[in-house]
Amino acid sequence: MLSVVLERAGYEVVAVGSGQECLDALADGAIDLVVLDVEMPSLDGWDTLSAIRAISTVPVMLVTALSGDDHRARSTERGADAFVSKPFLNRELLLTIRGLLGGPDAAP
């Protein structure tokens, strides 16, 4: 669903199914933004985020069903640039992405 929303907004999406696939995609090409779920098998979102920060400064937005100050704080501590709780409005997600990519005038 997330890929469809982003593609309809004009973004090119590289969809992956795990934290390791995310790291591989970062190593393989130019990625402008990572939208990362926290709850993933084997390498969760926070560990993936830590691994991303070891190799890149690419903006990372965590999207998760987990909410609360502890999860937000943990995300910030690990280097997340944004945190969006599920369920979210598509517009909220897109505005957050636009801000991470350069503000209101940033094109997809």
C-alpha atoms as a PDB file:
ATOM      1  CA  MET A   1       0.000   0.000   0.000  1.00  0.00           C
ATOM      2  CA  LEU A   2       2.786   2.417   0.894  1.00  0.00           C
ATOM      3  CA  SER A   3       4.501   1.868  -2.453  1.00  0.00           C
ATOM      4  CA  VAL A   4       1.264   2.638  -4.296  1.00  0.00           C
ATOM      5  CA  VAL A   5       0.720   5.882  -2.352  1.00  0.00           C
ATOM      6  CA  LEU A   6       4.282   7.026  -3.035  1.00  0.00           C
ATOM      7  CA  GLU A   7       4.255   6.043  -6.707  1.00  0.00           C
ATOM      8  CA  ARG A   8       0.938   7.861  -7.259  1.00  0.00           C
ATOM      9  CA  ALA A   9       2.556  10.949  -5.714  1.00  0.00           C
ATOM     10  CA  GLY A  10       5.341  10.705  -8.299  1.00  0.00           C
ATOM     11  CA  TYR A  11       8.093   9.036  -6.311  1.00  0.00           C
ATOM     12  CA  GLU A  12      10.232   6.201  -7.623  1.00  0.00           C
ATOM     13  CA  VAL A  13      10.068   3.373  -5.088  1.00  0.00           C
ATOM     14  CA  VAL A  14      12.506   0.566  -4.379  1.00  0.00           C
ATOM     15  CA  ALA A  15      10.493  -1.822  -2.209  1.00  0.00           C
ATOM     16  CA  VAL A  16      12.351  -4.351  -0.070  1.00  0.00           C
ATOM     17  CA  GLY A  17      11.209  -6.988   2.400  1.00  0.00           C
ATOM     18  CA  SER A  18      13.831  -6.927   5.132  1.00  0.00           C
ATOM     19  CA  GLY A  19      16.400  -4.803   6.896  1.00  0.00           C
ATOM     20  CA  GLN A  20      19.234  -6.551   5.091  1.00  0.00           C
ATOM     21  CA  GLU A  21      17.581  -5.935   1.713  1.00  0.00           C
ATOM     22  CA  CYS A  22      17.327  -2.262   2.684  1.00  0.00           C
ATOM     23  CA  LEU A  23      21.039  -2.114   3.452  1.00  0.00           C
ATOM     24  CA  ASP A  24      21.811  -3.895   0.171  1.00  0.00           C
ATOM     25  CA  ALA A  25      19.664  -1.394  -1.775  1.00  0.00           C
ATOM     26  CA  LEU A  26      21.494   1.501  -0.124  1.00  0.00           C
ATOM     27  CA  ALA A  27      24.823  -0.021  -1.113  1.00  0.00           C
ATOM     28  CA  ASP A  28      23.655  -0.667  -4.692  1.00  0.00           C
ATOM     29  CA  GLY A  29      22.377   2.744  -5.683  1.00  0.00           C
ATOM     30  CA  ALA A  30      21.330   6.289  -5.049  1.00  0.00           C
ATOM     31  CA  ILE A  31      18.554   6.281  -2.470  1.00  0.00           C
ATOM     32  CA  ASP A  32      17.209   9.703  -1.432  1.00  0.00           C
ATOM     33  CA  LEU A  33      15.054   8.569   1.497  1.00  0.00           C
ATOM     34  CA  VAL A  34      14.399   5.398   3.486  1.00  0.00           C
ATOM     35  CA  VAL A  35      10.909   4.705   4.815  1.00  0.00           C
ATOM     36  CA  LEU A  36      11.440   1.972   7.351  1.00  0.00           C
ATOM     37  CA  ASP A  37       9.029  -0.149   9.390  1.00  0.00           C
ATOM     38  CA  VAL A  38      10.205  -0.941  12.908  1.00  0.00           C
ATOM     39  CA  GLU A  39       8.686  -4.410  13.128  1.00  0.00           C
ATOM     40  CA  MET A  40      10.576  -6.646  10.708  1.00  0.00           C
ATOM     41  CA  PRO A  41      11.910 -10.182  11.068  1.00  0.00           C
ATOM     42  CA  SER A  42      15.551 -10.869  12.034  1.00  0.00           C
ATOM     43  CA  LEU A  43      16.897  -7.320  11.641  1.00  0.00           C
ATOM     44  CA  ASP A  44      14.297  -4.952  13.095  1.00  0.00           C
ATOM     45  CA  GLY A  45      13.869  -1.332  12.081  1.00  0.00           C
ATOM     46  CA  TRP A  46      15.947   0.096  14.913  1.00  0.00           C
ATOM     47  CA  ASP A  47      18.893  -2.210  14.170  1.00  0.00           C
ATOM     48  CA  THR A  48      18.520  -1.454  10.470  1.00  0.00           C
ATOM     49  CA  LEU A  49      18.503   2.260  11.276  1.00  0.00           C
ATOM     50  CA  SER A  50      21.694   1.892  13.329  1.00  0.00           C
ATOM     51  CA  ALA A  51      23.327   0.042  10.432  1.00  0.00           C
ATOM     52  CA  ILE A  52      22.197   2.741   7.982  1.00  0.00           C
ATOM     53  CA  ARG A  53      23.674   5.454  10.186  1.00  0.00           C
ATOM     54  CA  ALA A  54      27.006   3.603  10.199  1.00  0.00           C
ATOM     55  CA  ILE A  55      27.237   3.978   6.409  1.00  0.00           C
ATOM     56  CA  SER A  56      24.966   6.851   5.345  1.00  0.00           C
ATOM     57  CA  THR A  57      23.333  10.154   6.219  1.00  0.00           C
ATOM     58  CA  VAL A  58      20.301   9.462   4.016  1.00  0.00           C
ATOM     59  CA  PRO A  59      17.086  10.715   5.650  1.00  0.00           C
ATOM     60  CA  VAL A  60      15.198   7.894   7.398  1.00  0.00           C
ATOM     61  CA  MET A  61      11.537   7.967   8.365  1.00  0.00           C
ATOM     62  CA  LEU A  62      10.287   5.240  10.684  1.00  0.00           C
ATOM     63  CA  VAL A  63       6.706   4.113  10.168  1.00  0.00           C
ATOM     64  CA  THR A  64       5.303   1.869  12.862  1.00  0.00           C
ATOM     65  CA  ALA A  65       2.243   0.692  14.723  1.00  0.00           C
ATOM     66  CA  LEU A  66       4.260   1.198  17.901  1.00  0.00           C
ATOM     67  CA  SER A  67       3.584   4.539  19.500  1.00  0.00           C
ATOM     68  CA  GLY A  68       4.506   6.422  22.600  1.00  0.00           C
ATOM     69  CA  ASP A  69       7.346   8.532  23.853  1.00  0.00           C
ATOM     70  CA  ASP A  70       9.714   5.587  24.413  1.00  0.00           C
ATOM     71  CA  HIS A  71       9.503   4.498  20.767  1.00  0.00           C
ATOM     72  CA  ARG A  72       9.881   8.050  19.475  1.00  0.00           C
ATOM     73  CA  ALA A  73      12.858   8.637  21.778  1.00  0.00           C
ATOM     74  CA  ARG A  74      14.501   5.384  20.732  1.00  0.00           C
ATOM     75  CA  SER A  75      14.028   6.343  17.082  1.00  0.00           C
ATOM     76  CA  THR A  76      15.593   9.751  17.623  1.00  0.00           C
ATOM     77  CA  GLU A  77      18.475   8.251  19.599  1.00  0.00           C
ATOM     78  CA  ARG A  78      19.219   5.860  16.735  1.00  0.00           C
ATOM     79  CA  GLY A  79      19.205   8.694  14.190  1.00  0.00           C
ATOM     80  CA  ALA A  80      15.725   8.730  12.652  1.00  0.00           C
ATOM     81  CA  ASP A  81      14.800  11.965  10.918  1.00  0.00           C
ATOM     82  CA  ALA A  82      11.046  11.397  11.298  1.00  0.00           C
ATOM     83  CA  PHE A  83       8.634   9.058  13.057  1.00  0.00           C
ATOM     84  CA  VAL A  84       5.089   8.383  11.823  1.00  0.00           C
ATOM     85  CA  SER A  85       2.660   6.174  13.737  1.00  0.00           C
ATOM     86  CA  LYS A  86       0.204   3.843  12.020  1.00  0.00           C
ATOM     87  CA  PRO A  87      -2.499   4.407  11.153  1.00  0.00           C
ATOM     88  CA  PHE A  88      -1.520   7.595   9.382  1.00  0.00           C
ATOM     89  CA  LEU A  89      -3.110   9.836   6.798  1.00  0.00           C
ATOM     90  CA  ASN A  90      -1.545   9.589   3.356  1.00  0.00           C
ATOM     91  CA  ARG A  91      -1.298  13.377   3.274  1.00  0.00           C
ATOM     92  CA  GLU A  92       0.597  13.389   6.589  1.00  0.00           C
ATOM     93  CA  LEU A  93       3.042  10.831   5.217  1.00  0.00           C
ATOM     94  CA  LEU A  94       3.570  12.730   1.972  1.00  0.00           C
ATOM     95  CA  LEU A  95       4.078  16.064   3.748  1.00  0.00           C
ATOM     96  CA  THR A  96       6.647  14.492   6.056  1.00  0.00           C
ATOM     97  CA  ILE A  97       8.482  13.003   3.075  1.00  0.00           C
ATOM     98  CA  ARG A  98       8.425  16.303   1.219  1.00  0.00           C
ATOM     99  CA  GLY A  99       9.907  18.025   4.263  1.00  0.00           C
ATOM    100  CA  LEU A 100      12.679  15.447   4.521  1.00  0.00           C
ATOM    101  CA  LEU A 101      13.515  15.834   0.850  1.00  0.00           C
ATOM    102  CA  GLY A 102      13.837  19.589   0.871  1.00  0.00           C
ATOM    103  CA  GLY A 103      10.668  21.348   1.905  1.00  0.00           C
ATOM    104  CA  PRO A 104       7.362  22.283   0.295  1.00  0.00           C
ATOM    105  CA  ASP A 105       8.878  23.012  -3.115  1.00  0.00           C
ATOM    106  CA  ALA A 106      10.665  19.647  -3.355  1.00  0.00           C
ATOM    107  CA  ALA A 107       9.507  17.688  -6.372  1.00  0.00           C
ATOM    108  CA  PRO A 108       9.032  13.901  -6.293  1.00  0.00           C
END
